[in-house]
Amino acid sequence: MNAHAPEPNVRRVRTLFLSDVHLGSKAAKADFLLDFLRCHEAATIILVGDIVDGWRLKRSWYWPQSCNDVVQKLLRKARKGARIIYVPGNHDEFLRDFPGVHFGGIEVAQQLVHEAADGKKYLVLHGDEFDVVVRNARLLAYLGDWAYDAAIAINVALAAVRRRLGLPYWSFSAWAKLQVKHAVNFIGAFQQVVAEEARKHGADGVICGHIHHAVIEDIGGIRYINTGDWVESCTAVIEHWDGTMELVTWQSPAARPAPIAVLPRSQGVPAVGRKASKAA
């Protein structure tokens, strides 16, 4: 079978980039991710950090079957020949002690340079290295993590009410984060410094996660790509066989595919359906 021609209901792509799943957190939408993985086959899968939420698991153990299902799905893909690379983040930093080690066919790397099919090179890292709060004030980082949990809890309650009223999903935590001037400034500063790091490595772009703000845009001649998360937005980045990068959002496992929506390059991904936009 032609590797470029997908089977019915399955997209065959060159590379998948996923981050910030936070398995072990009650907010993790593991069932959404499992549905996404069932619908996509990739030659390479790069996990861009915070796949397992070690911080929350230390506080209280929470590991439902859906978390096991995601792990088993990834391991099966590795057994079938997919190359899977795990770049740890701050929430799964315990894996940073094992660079180059393979776990069930999944390779751990601190960071890497990914060469796309069109020859462009992308520095791939989680991004917490450039978060001053995480690096220099761990207590504040934990407090911020607690506040984020509270915002997610509000999300769950609000989403239930909106479903009963027939209204679409709306993220309170994402809205609150973007209303805070300092948060907006932080996102902009984070993007700039990460793009500059890619420039120092001689890369054409950077692919990261960490701040849960999915976007593809050009920053000073560097292609900045953030994969988003699987807590609020359920987003991922796909590299197609020609090197084109696509930012997608995945709605409900029970939902039918919705029409593709155009996404401006300077904005994040709206939750408009199972598949979202393409950004070349």
C-alpha atoms as a PDB file:
ATOM      1  CA  MET A   1       0.000   0.000   0.000  1.00  0.00           C
ATOM      2  CA  ASN A   2       1.199   3.501  -0.792  1.00  0.00           C
ATOM      3  CA  ALA A   3       2.369   5.079   2.490  1.00  0.00           C
ATOM      4  CA  HIS A   4       0.942   8.403   1.340  1.00  0.00           C
ATOM      5  CA  ALA A   5      -2.563   7.015   0.778  1.00  0.00           C
ATOM      6  CA  PRO A   6      -4.391   6.608   4.095  1.00  0.00           C
ATOM      7  CA  GLU A   7      -6.798   3.802   4.815  1.00  0.00           C
ATOM      8  CA  PRO A   8     -10.409   4.860   5.404  1.00  0.00           C
ATOM      9  CA  ASN A   9     -10.709   7.022   8.545  1.00  0.00           C
ATOM     10  CA  VAL A  10      -6.946   6.893   9.168  1.00  0.00           C
ATOM     11  CA  ARG A  11      -4.532   9.659   8.211  1.00  0.00           C
ATOM     12  CA  ARG A  12      -0.992   8.522   7.435  1.00  0.00           C
ATOM     13  CA  VAL A  13       1.480  11.300   8.164  1.00  0.00           C
ATOM     14  CA  ARG A  14       5.221  11.719   8.441  1.00  0.00           C
ATOM     15  CA  THR A  15       5.454  13.046  12.012  1.00  0.00           C
ATOM     16  CA  LEU A  16       3.179  13.722  14.985  1.00  0.00           C
ATOM     17  CA  PHE A  17       4.138  16.213  17.699  1.00  0.00           C
ATOM     18  CA  LEU A  18       2.256  15.956  21.008  1.00  0.00           C
ATOM     19  CA  SER A  19       2.832  17.644  24.346  1.00  0.00           C
ATOM     20  CA  ASP A  20       1.290  18.478  27.710  1.00  0.00           C
ATOM     21  CA  VAL A  21      -1.019  15.476  28.004  1.00  0.00           C
ATOM     22  CA  HIS A  22      -0.597  15.404  31.820  1.00  0.00           C
ATOM     23  CA  LEU A  23      -1.492  11.736  32.293  1.00  0.00           C
ATOM     24  CA  GLY A  24      -2.128  11.280  36.006  1.00  0.00           C
ATOM     25  CA  SER A  25      -4.099  14.511  36.236  1.00  0.00           C
ATOM     26  CA  LYS A  26      -7.891  14.406  36.423  1.00  0.00           C
ATOM     27  CA  ALA A  27      -7.940  17.155  33.805  1.00  0.00           C
ATOM     28  CA  ALA A  28      -6.112  15.032  31.206  1.00  0.00           C
ATOM     29  CA  LYS A  29      -8.336  14.157  28.249  1.00  0.00           C
ATOM     30  CA  ALA A  30      -6.771  10.764  27.669  1.00  0.00           C
ATOM     31  CA  ASP A  31      -9.825   9.436  25.821  1.00  0.00           C
ATOM     32  CA  PHE A  32      -9.556  12.296  23.311  1.00  0.00           C
ATOM     33  CA  LEU A  33      -5.880  11.531  22.730  1.00  0.00           C
ATOM     34  CA  LEU A  34      -6.555   7.816  22.355  1.00  0.00           C
ATOM     35  CA  ASP A  35      -9.158   8.580  19.690  1.00  0.00           C
ATOM     36  CA  PHE A  36      -6.674  10.881  17.927  1.00  0.00           C
ATOM     37  CA  LEU A  37      -3.965   8.193  17.955  1.00  0.00           C
ATOM     38  CA  ARG A  38      -6.386   5.633  16.535  1.00  0.00           C
ATOM     39  CA  CYS A  39      -7.105   7.960  13.631  1.00  0.00           C
ATOM     40  CA  HIS A  40      -3.465   8.779  12.816  1.00  0.00           C
ATOM     41  CA  GLU A  41      -0.503   6.655  11.794  1.00  0.00           C
ATOM     42  CA  ALA A  42       2.913   8.310  11.715  1.00  0.00           C
ATOM     43  CA  ALA A  43       6.422   7.236  10.818  1.00  0.00           C
ATOM     44  CA  THR A  44       7.687   9.283  13.777  1.00  0.00           C
ATOM     45  CA  ILE A  45       5.964  10.475  16.954  1.00  0.00           C
ATOM     46  CA  ILE A  46       7.711  13.105  19.055  1.00  0.00           C
ATOM     47  CA  LEU A  47       6.399  13.600  22.587  1.00  0.00           C
ATOM     48  CA  VAL A  48       7.309  17.174  23.533  1.00  0.00           C
ATOM     49  CA  GLY A  49       7.151  16.927  27.322  1.00  0.00           C
ATOM     50  CA  ASP A  50       4.673  16.770  30.198  1.00  0.00           C
ATOM     51  CA  ILE A  51       3.139  13.568  28.866  1.00  0.00           C
ATOM     52  CA  VAL A  52       3.055  12.125  32.404  1.00  0.00           C
ATOM     53  CA  ASP A  53       2.273  14.526  35.239  1.00  0.00           C
ATOM     54  CA  GLY A  54       4.763  13.484  37.897  1.00  0.00           C
ATOM     55  CA  TRP A  55       3.997  16.546  40.036  1.00  0.00           C
ATOM     56  CA  ARG A  56       0.362  15.568  40.512  1.00  0.00           C
ATOM     57  CA  LEU A  57       1.116  11.878  40.925  1.00  0.00           C
ATOM     58  CA  LYS A  58       3.436  12.762  43.821  1.00  0.00           C
ATOM     59  CA  ARG A  59       0.612  14.659  45.518  1.00  0.00           C
ATOM     60  CA  SER A  60      -2.017  11.962  45.012  1.00  0.00           C
ATOM     61  CA  TRP A  61      -2.086   8.879  42.825  1.00  0.00           C
ATOM     62  CA  TYR A  62      -4.593   8.993  39.965  1.00  0.00           C
ATOM     63  CA  TRP A  63      -4.120   6.596  37.066  1.00  0.00           C
ATOM     64  CA  PRO A  64      -7.379   5.427  35.432  1.00  0.00           C
ATOM     65  CA  GLN A  65      -7.567   2.846  32.646  1.00  0.00           C
ATOM     66  CA  SER A  66      -7.621   5.594  30.014  1.00  0.00           C
ATOM     67  CA  CYS A  67      -4.050   6.532  30.982  1.00  0.00           C
ATOM     68  CA  ASN A  68      -2.950   2.915  30.571  1.00  0.00           C
ATOM     69  CA  ASP A  69      -4.725   2.794  27.206  1.00  0.00           C
ATOM     70  CA  VAL A  70      -2.742   5.784  25.896  1.00  0.00           C
ATOM     71  CA  VAL A  71       0.576   4.298  27.051  1.00  0.00           C
ATOM     72  CA  GLN A  72      -0.271   0.902  25.542  1.00  0.00           C
ATOM     73  CA  LYS A  73      -1.315   2.537  22.272  1.00  0.00           C
ATOM     74  CA  LEU A  74       2.027   4.322  21.995  1.00  0.00           C
ATOM     75  CA  LEU A  75       3.921   1.131  22.819  1.00  0.00           C
ATOM     76  CA  ARG A  76       1.972  -0.762  20.136  1.00  0.00           C
ATOM     77  CA  LYS A  77       2.839   1.915  17.586  1.00  0.00           C
ATOM     78  CA  ALA A  78       6.510   1.547  18.541  1.00  0.00           C
ATOM     79  CA  ARG A  79       6.306  -2.242  18.114  1.00  0.00           C
ATOM     80  CA  LYS A  80       4.766  -1.742  14.669  1.00  0.00           C
ATOM     81  CA  GLY A  81       7.758   0.312  13.577  1.00  0.00           C
ATOM     82  CA  ALA A  82       6.999   3.930  14.474  1.00  0.00           C
ATOM     83  CA  ARG A  83       9.947   5.825  15.884  1.00  0.00           C
ATOM     84  CA  ILE A  84       8.878   7.464  19.154  1.00  0.00           C
ATOM     85  CA  ILE A  85      11.043  10.080  20.867  1.00  0.00           C
ATOM     86  CA  TYR A  86      10.197  11.425  24.317  1.00  0.00           C
ATOM     87  CA  VAL A  87      11.533  14.901  25.183  1.00  0.00           C
ATOM     88  CA  PRO A  88      10.739  15.327  28.911  1.00  0.00           C
ATOM     89  CA  GLY A  89       9.234  18.493  30.361  1.00  0.00           C
ATOM     90  CA  ASN A  90       9.146  19.880  33.886  1.00  0.00           C
ATOM     91  CA  HIS A  91       6.222  17.697  35.006  1.00  0.00           C
ATOM     92  CA  ASP A  92       7.982  14.517  33.835  1.00  0.00           C
ATOM     93  CA  GLU A  93      11.504  15.739  34.592  1.00  0.00           C
ATOM     94  CA  PHE A  94      12.381  12.399  36.242  1.00  0.00           C
ATOM     95  CA  LEU A  95      13.004  11.113  32.700  1.00  0.00           C
ATOM     96  CA  ARG A  96      15.746  13.690  32.127  1.00  0.00           C
ATOM     97  CA  ASP A  97      18.086  11.362  34.006  1.00  0.00           C
ATOM     98  CA  PHE A  98      17.811   8.830  31.165  1.00  0.00           C
ATOM     99  CA  PRO A  99      18.909  10.517  27.920  1.00  0.00           C
ATOM    100  CA  GLY A 100      19.425   8.001  25.132  1.00  0.00           C
ATOM    101  CA  VAL A 101      17.667   5.220  27.045  1.00  0.00           C
ATOM    102  CA  HIS A 102      14.886   3.257  25.333  1.00  0.00           C
ATOM    103  CA  PHE A 103      11.774   2.226  27.270  1.00  0.00           C
ATOM    104  CA  GLY A 104       9.721  -0.283  25.300  1.00  0.00           C
ATOM    105  CA  GLY A 105      10.944   1.234  22.050  1.00  0.00           C
ATOM    106  CA  ILE A 106      10.433   4.832  23.192  1.00  0.00           C
ATOM    107  CA  GLU A 107      13.676   6.839  23.130  1.00  0.00           C
ATOM    108  CA  VAL A 108      14.349   9.597  25.669  1.00  0.00           C
ATOM    109  CA  ALA A 109      16.138  12.768  24.481  1.00  0.00           C
ATOM    110  CA  GLN A 110      16.755  16.092  26.226  1.00  0.00           C
ATOM    111  CA  GLN A 111      16.078  17.905  22.954  1.00  0.00           C
ATOM    112  CA  LEU A 112      16.643  17.239  19.271  1.00  0.00           C
ATOM    113  CA  VAL A 113      16.807  18.817  15.845  1.00  0.00           C
ATOM    114  CA  HIS A 114      14.105  17.455  13.562  1.00  0.00           C
ATOM    115  CA  GLU A 115      14.668  17.709   9.821  1.00  0.00           C
ATOM    116  CA  ALA A 116      11.349  17.983   7.993  1.00  0.00           C
ATOM    117  CA  ALA A 117      10.683  16.513   4.563  1.00  0.00           C
ATOM    118  CA  ASP A 118      11.247  19.907   2.927  1.00  0.00           C
ATOM    119  CA  GLY A 119      14.724  20.172   4.453  1.00  0.00           C
ATOM    120  CA  LYS A 120      13.836  22.705   7.151  1.00  0.00           C
ATOM    121  CA  LYS A 121      15.329  22.030  10.564  1.00  0.00           C
ATOM    122  CA  TYR A 122      13.357  22.464  13.784  1.00  0.00           C
ATOM    123  CA  LEU A 123      14.750  22.570  17.296  1.00  0.00           C
ATOM    124  CA  VAL A 124      12.416  20.450  19.462  1.00  0.00           C
ATOM    125  CA  LEU A 125      12.280  21.066  23.222  1.00  0.00           C
ATOM    126  CA  HIS A 126       9.626  21.327  25.902  1.00  0.00           C
ATOM    127  CA  GLY A 127      10.298  24.962  26.768  1.00  0.00           C
ATOM    128  CA  ASP A 128      10.327  25.047  30.566  1.00  0.00           C
ATOM    129  CA  GLU A 129      14.052  25.811  30.326  1.00  0.00           C
ATOM    130  CA  PHE A 130      12.984  29.351  29.463  1.00  0.00           C
ATOM    131  CA  ASP A 131      10.300  29.725  32.126  1.00  0.00           C
ATOM    132  CA  VAL A 132      11.887  31.831  34.869  1.00  0.00           C
ATOM    133  CA  VAL A 133       9.248  30.768  37.403  1.00  0.00           C
ATOM    134  CA  VAL A 134       9.921  27.059  36.886  1.00  0.00           C
ATOM    135  CA  ARG A 135      13.693  27.489  36.818  1.00  0.00           C
ATOM    136  CA  ASN A 136      14.198  29.868  39.727  1.00  0.00           C
ATOM    137  CA  ALA A 137      11.124  29.676  41.991  1.00  0.00           C
ATOM    138  CA  ARG A 138       9.878  26.106  42.254  1.00  0.00           C
ATOM    139  CA  LEU A 139       7.460  26.949  45.111  1.00  0.00           C
ATOM    140  CA  LEU A 140       5.760  29.608  42.971  1.00  0.00           C
ATOM    141  CA  ALA A 141       5.583  27.112  40.133  1.00  0.00           C
ATOM    142  CA  TYR A 142       3.768  24.614  42.358  1.00  0.00           C
ATOM    143  CA  LEU A 143       1.360  27.307  43.574  1.00  0.00           C
ATOM    144  CA  GLY A 144       0.669  28.270  39.967  1.00  0.00           C
ATOM    145  CA  ASP A 145       0.052  24.612  39.201  1.00  0.00           C
ATOM    146  CA  TRP A 146      -2.515  24.458  42.028  1.00  0.00           C
ATOM    147  CA  ALA A 147      -4.270  27.579  40.724  1.00  0.00           C
ATOM    148  CA  TYR A 148      -4.393  26.048  37.259  1.00  0.00           C
ATOM    149  CA  ASP A 149      -6.034  22.923  38.737  1.00  0.00           C
ATOM    150  CA  ALA A 150      -8.697  25.159  40.308  1.00  0.00           C
ATOM    151  CA  ALA A 151      -9.344  26.866  36.979  1.00  0.00           C
ATOM    152  CA  ILE A 152      -9.676  23.475  35.263  1.00  0.00           C
ATOM    153  CA  ALA A 153     -12.219  22.395  37.924  1.00  0.00           C
ATOM    154  CA  ILE A 154     -14.270  25.477  37.084  1.00  0.00           C
ATOM    155  CA  ASN A 155     -13.965  24.495  33.425  1.00  0.00           C
ATOM    156  CA  VAL A 156     -15.494  21.081  34.096  1.00  0.00           C
ATOM    157  CA  ALA A 157     -18.502  22.502  35.939  1.00  0.00           C
ATOM    158  CA  LEU A 158     -19.016  25.265  33.398  1.00  0.00           C
ATOM    159  CA  ALA A 159     -18.756  22.840  30.469  1.00  0.00           C
ATOM    160  CA  ALA A 160     -21.477  20.646  31.996  1.00  0.00           C
ATOM    161  CA  VAL A 161     -23.809  23.631  32.310  1.00  0.00           C
ATOM    162  CA  ARG A 162     -23.083  24.797  28.751  1.00  0.00           C
ATOM    163  CA  ARG A 163     -23.751  21.284  27.380  1.00  0.00           C
ATOM    164  CA  ARG A 164     -27.156  21.255  29.078  1.00  0.00           C
ATOM    165  CA  LEU A 165     -27.923  24.605  27.477  1.00  0.00           C
ATOM    166  CA  GLY A 166     -26.753  23.397  24.080  1.00  0.00           C
ATOM    167  CA  LEU A 167     -23.834  25.819  24.005  1.00  0.00           C
ATOM    168  CA  PRO A 168     -20.375  24.987  22.568  1.00  0.00           C
ATOM    169  CA  TYR A 169     -17.333  24.321  24.732  1.00  0.00           C
ATOM    170  CA  TRP A 170     -15.608  27.403  26.138  1.00  0.00           C
ATOM    171  CA  SER A 171     -12.481  27.363  28.288  1.00  0.00           C
ATOM    172  CA  PHE A 172     -12.641  29.517  31.399  1.00  0.00           C
ATOM    173  CA  SER A 173      -8.996  28.851  32.292  1.00  0.00           C
ATOM    174  CA  ALA A 174      -7.770  29.810  28.814  1.00  0.00           C
ATOM    175  CA  TRP A 175      -9.912  32.968  28.902  1.00  0.00           C
ATOM    176  CA  ALA A 176      -8.704  33.939  32.382  1.00  0.00           C
ATOM    177  CA  LYS A 177      -5.080  33.352  31.428  1.00  0.00           C
ATOM    178  CA  LEU A 178      -5.322  35.603  28.402  1.00  0.00           C
ATOM    179  CA  GLN A 179      -7.108  38.354  30.336  1.00  0.00           C
ATOM    180  CA  VAL A 180      -4.155  38.796  32.634  1.00  0.00           C
ATOM    181  CA  LYS A 181      -1.750  41.314  31.155  1.00  0.00           C
ATOM    182  CA  HIS A 182       1.258  39.651  32.707  1.00  0.00           C
ATOM    183  CA  ALA A 183       0.247  36.305  31.192  1.00  0.00           C
ATOM    184  CA  VAL A 184      -0.062  37.876  27.754  1.00  0.00           C
ATOM    185  CA  ASN A 185       3.343  39.502  28.178  1.00  0.00           C
ATOM    186  CA  PHE A 186       4.803  36.211  29.384  1.00  0.00           C
ATOM    187  CA  ILE A 187       3.563  34.322  26.328  1.00  0.00           C
ATOM    188  CA  GLY A 188       5.072  36.912  24.007  1.00  0.00           C
ATOM    189  CA  ALA A 189       8.394  36.911  25.859  1.00  0.00           C
ATOM    190  CA  PHE A 190       8.462  33.109  25.956  1.00  0.00           C
ATOM    191  CA  GLN A 191       7.914  32.889  22.204  1.00  0.00           C
ATOM    192  CA  GLN A 192      10.663  35.397  21.509  1.00  0.00           C
ATOM    193  CA  VAL A 193      13.278  33.696  23.668  1.00  0.00           C
ATOM    194  CA  VAL A 194      12.466  30.216  22.363  1.00  0.00           C
ATOM    195  CA  ALA A 195      12.667  31.464  18.778  1.00  0.00           C
ATOM    196  CA  GLU A 196      16.038  33.025  19.570  1.00  0.00           C
ATOM    197  CA  GLU A 197      17.253  29.683  20.947  1.00  0.00           C
ATOM    198  CA  ALA A 198      16.363  28.068  17.626  1.00  0.00           C
ATOM    199  CA  ARG A 199      18.331  30.765  15.822  1.00  0.00           C
ATOM    200  CA  LYS A 200      21.380  30.026  18.016  1.00  0.00           C
ATOM    201  CA  HIS A 201      21.161  26.373  16.940  1.00  0.00           C
ATOM    202  CA  GLY A 202      21.052  27.365  13.281  1.00  0.00           C
ATOM    203  CA  ALA A 203      17.517  25.960  12.961  1.00  0.00           C
ATOM    204  CA  ASP A 204      14.747  27.254  10.723  1.00  0.00           C
ATOM    205  CA  GLY A 205      12.147  26.854  13.445  1.00  0.00           C
ATOM    206  CA  VAL A 206      11.308  25.563  16.897  1.00  0.00           C
ATOM    207  CA  ILE A 207       8.650  23.134  18.122  1.00  0.00           C
ATOM    208  CA  CYS A 208       7.771  23.311  21.822  1.00  0.00           C
ATOM    209  CA  GLY A 209       4.979  22.995  24.378  1.00  0.00           C
ATOM    210  CA  HIS A 210       4.843  23.989  28.058  1.00  0.00           C
ATOM    211  CA  ILE A 211       2.628  27.109  27.977  1.00  0.00           C
ATOM    212  CA  HIS A 212      -0.527  25.383  26.613  1.00  0.00           C
ATOM    213  CA  HIS A 213      -0.892  27.953  23.847  1.00  0.00           C
ATOM    214  CA  ALA A 214      -1.069  26.272  20.442  1.00  0.00           C
ATOM    215  CA  VAL A 215       0.083  28.373  17.507  1.00  0.00           C
ATOM    216  CA  ILE A 216       2.145  28.391  14.322  1.00  0.00           C
ATOM    217  CA  GLU A 217       3.664  31.731  13.371  1.00  0.00           C
ATOM    218  CA  ASP A 218       6.830  33.383  12.127  1.00  0.00           C
ATOM    219  CA  ILE A 219       8.919  35.294  14.670  1.00  0.00           C
ATOM    220  CA  GLY A 220      11.813  37.221  13.178  1.00  0.00           C
ATOM    221  CA  GLY A 221      12.276  34.717  10.392  1.00  0.00           C
ATOM    222  CA  ILE A 222      11.994  31.683  12.712  1.00  0.00           C
ATOM    223  CA  ARG A 223       8.964  29.411  12.439  1.00  0.00           C
ATOM    224  CA  TYR A 224       7.597  29.137  15.989  1.00  0.00           C
ATOM    225  CA  ILE A 225       5.330  26.137  16.605  1.00  0.00           C
ATOM    226  CA  ASN A 226       3.669  25.351  19.927  1.00  0.00           C
ATOM    227  CA  THR A 227       1.794  22.068  20.120  1.00  0.00           C
ATOM    228  CA  GLY A 228      -0.680  23.210  22.802  1.00  0.00           C
ATOM    229  CA  ASP A 229      -2.033  20.608  25.210  1.00  0.00           C
ATOM    230  CA  TRP A 230      -4.477  17.759  25.917  1.00  0.00           C
ATOM    231  CA  VAL A 231      -6.047  19.341  28.986  1.00  0.00           C
ATOM    232  CA  GLU A 232      -7.977  22.229  27.446  1.00  0.00           C
ATOM    233  CA  SER A 233      -7.470  22.577  23.713  1.00  0.00           C
ATOM    234  CA  CYS A 234      -6.612  18.980  22.651  1.00  0.00           C
ATOM    235  CA  THR A 235      -4.186  20.099  19.961  1.00  0.00           C
ATOM    236  CA  ALA A 236      -1.332  18.499  18.058  1.00  0.00           C
ATOM    237  CA  VAL A 237       1.018  19.324  15.202  1.00  0.00           C
ATOM    238  CA  ILE A 238       1.233  17.110  12.137  1.00  0.00           C
ATOM    239  CA  GLU A 239       4.039  17.084   9.609  1.00  0.00           C
ATOM    240  CA  HIS A 240       2.837  15.882   6.214  1.00  0.00           C
ATOM    241  CA  TRP A 241       4.965  14.028   3.673  1.00  0.00           C
ATOM    242  CA  ASP A 242       5.938  17.265   1.919  1.00  0.00           C
ATOM    243  CA  GLY A 243       7.114  18.934   5.148  1.00  0.00           C
ATOM    244  CA  THR A 244       3.990  21.056   5.613  1.00  0.00           C
ATOM    245  CA  MET A 245       3.123  21.597   9.274  1.00  0.00           C
ATOM    246  CA  GLU A 246      -0.551  21.453  10.305  1.00  0.00           C
ATOM    247  CA  LEU A 247      -2.023  22.452  13.637  1.00  0.00           C
ATOM    248  CA  VAL A 248      -5.094  20.386  14.536  1.00  0.00           C
ATOM    249  CA  THR A 249      -7.592  20.317  17.362  1.00  0.00           C
ATOM    250  CA  TRP A 250      -9.562  17.234  18.413  1.00  0.00           C
ATOM    251  CA  GLN A 251     -12.980  17.625  19.929  1.00  0.00           C
ATOM    252  CA  SER A 252     -14.959  14.701  21.340  1.00  0.00           C
ATOM    253  CA  PRO A 253     -14.242  11.034  20.602  1.00  0.00           C
ATOM    254  CA  ALA A 254     -17.965  10.666  19.924  1.00  0.00           C
ATOM    255  CA  ALA A 255     -18.138  13.656  17.604  1.00  0.00           C
ATOM    256  CA  ARG A 256     -18.232  13.420  13.840  1.00  0.00           C
ATOM    257  CA  PRO A 257     -15.688  15.368  11.801  1.00  0.00           C
ATOM    258  CA  ALA A 258     -16.648  19.011  11.509  1.00  0.00           C
ATOM    259  CA  PRO A 259     -15.859  21.307   8.585  1.00  0.00           C
ATOM    260  CA  ILE A 260     -12.261  22.513   8.509  1.00  0.00           C
ATOM    261  CA  ALA A 261     -11.928  26.041   9.823  1.00  0.00           C
ATOM    262  CA  VAL A 262      -9.339  28.556   8.689  1.00  0.00           C
ATOM    263  CA  LEU A 263      -6.899  29.516  11.431  1.00  0.00           C
ATOM    264  CA  PRO A 264      -4.950  32.787  11.207  1.00  0.00           C
ATOM    265  CA  ARG A 265      -1.273  32.096  11.816  1.00  0.00           C
ATOM    266  CA  SER A 266      -1.065  34.616  14.626  1.00  0.00           C
ATOM    267  CA  GLN A 267      -3.813  33.006  16.690  1.00  0.00           C
ATOM    268  CA  GLY A 268      -4.262  29.820  18.656  1.00  0.00           C
ATOM    269  CA  VAL A 269      -6.470  26.887  17.707  1.00  0.00           C
ATOM    270  CA  PRO A 270     -10.229  27.272  18.254  1.00  0.00           C
ATOM    271  CA  ALA A 271     -12.170  24.230  19.429  1.00  0.00           C
ATOM    272  CA  VAL A 272     -14.371  23.996  16.352  1.00  0.00           C
ATOM    273  CA  GLY A 273     -14.424  20.312  15.600  1.00  0.00           C
ATOM    274  CA  ARG A 274     -12.391  17.189  15.300  1.00  0.00           C
ATOM    275  CA  LYS A 275      -9.992  18.692  12.794  1.00  0.00           C
ATOM    276  CA  ALA A 276      -8.871  22.279  12.610  1.00  0.00           C
ATOM    277  CA  SER A 277      -6.718  24.269  10.288  1.00  0.00           C
ATOM    278  CA  LYS A 278      -3.617  23.915   8.221  1.00  0.00           C
ATOM    279  CA  ALA A 279      -0.714  26.293   8.593  1.00  0.00           C
ATOM    280  CA  ALA A 280       1.980  25.727   5.988  1.00  0.00           C
END
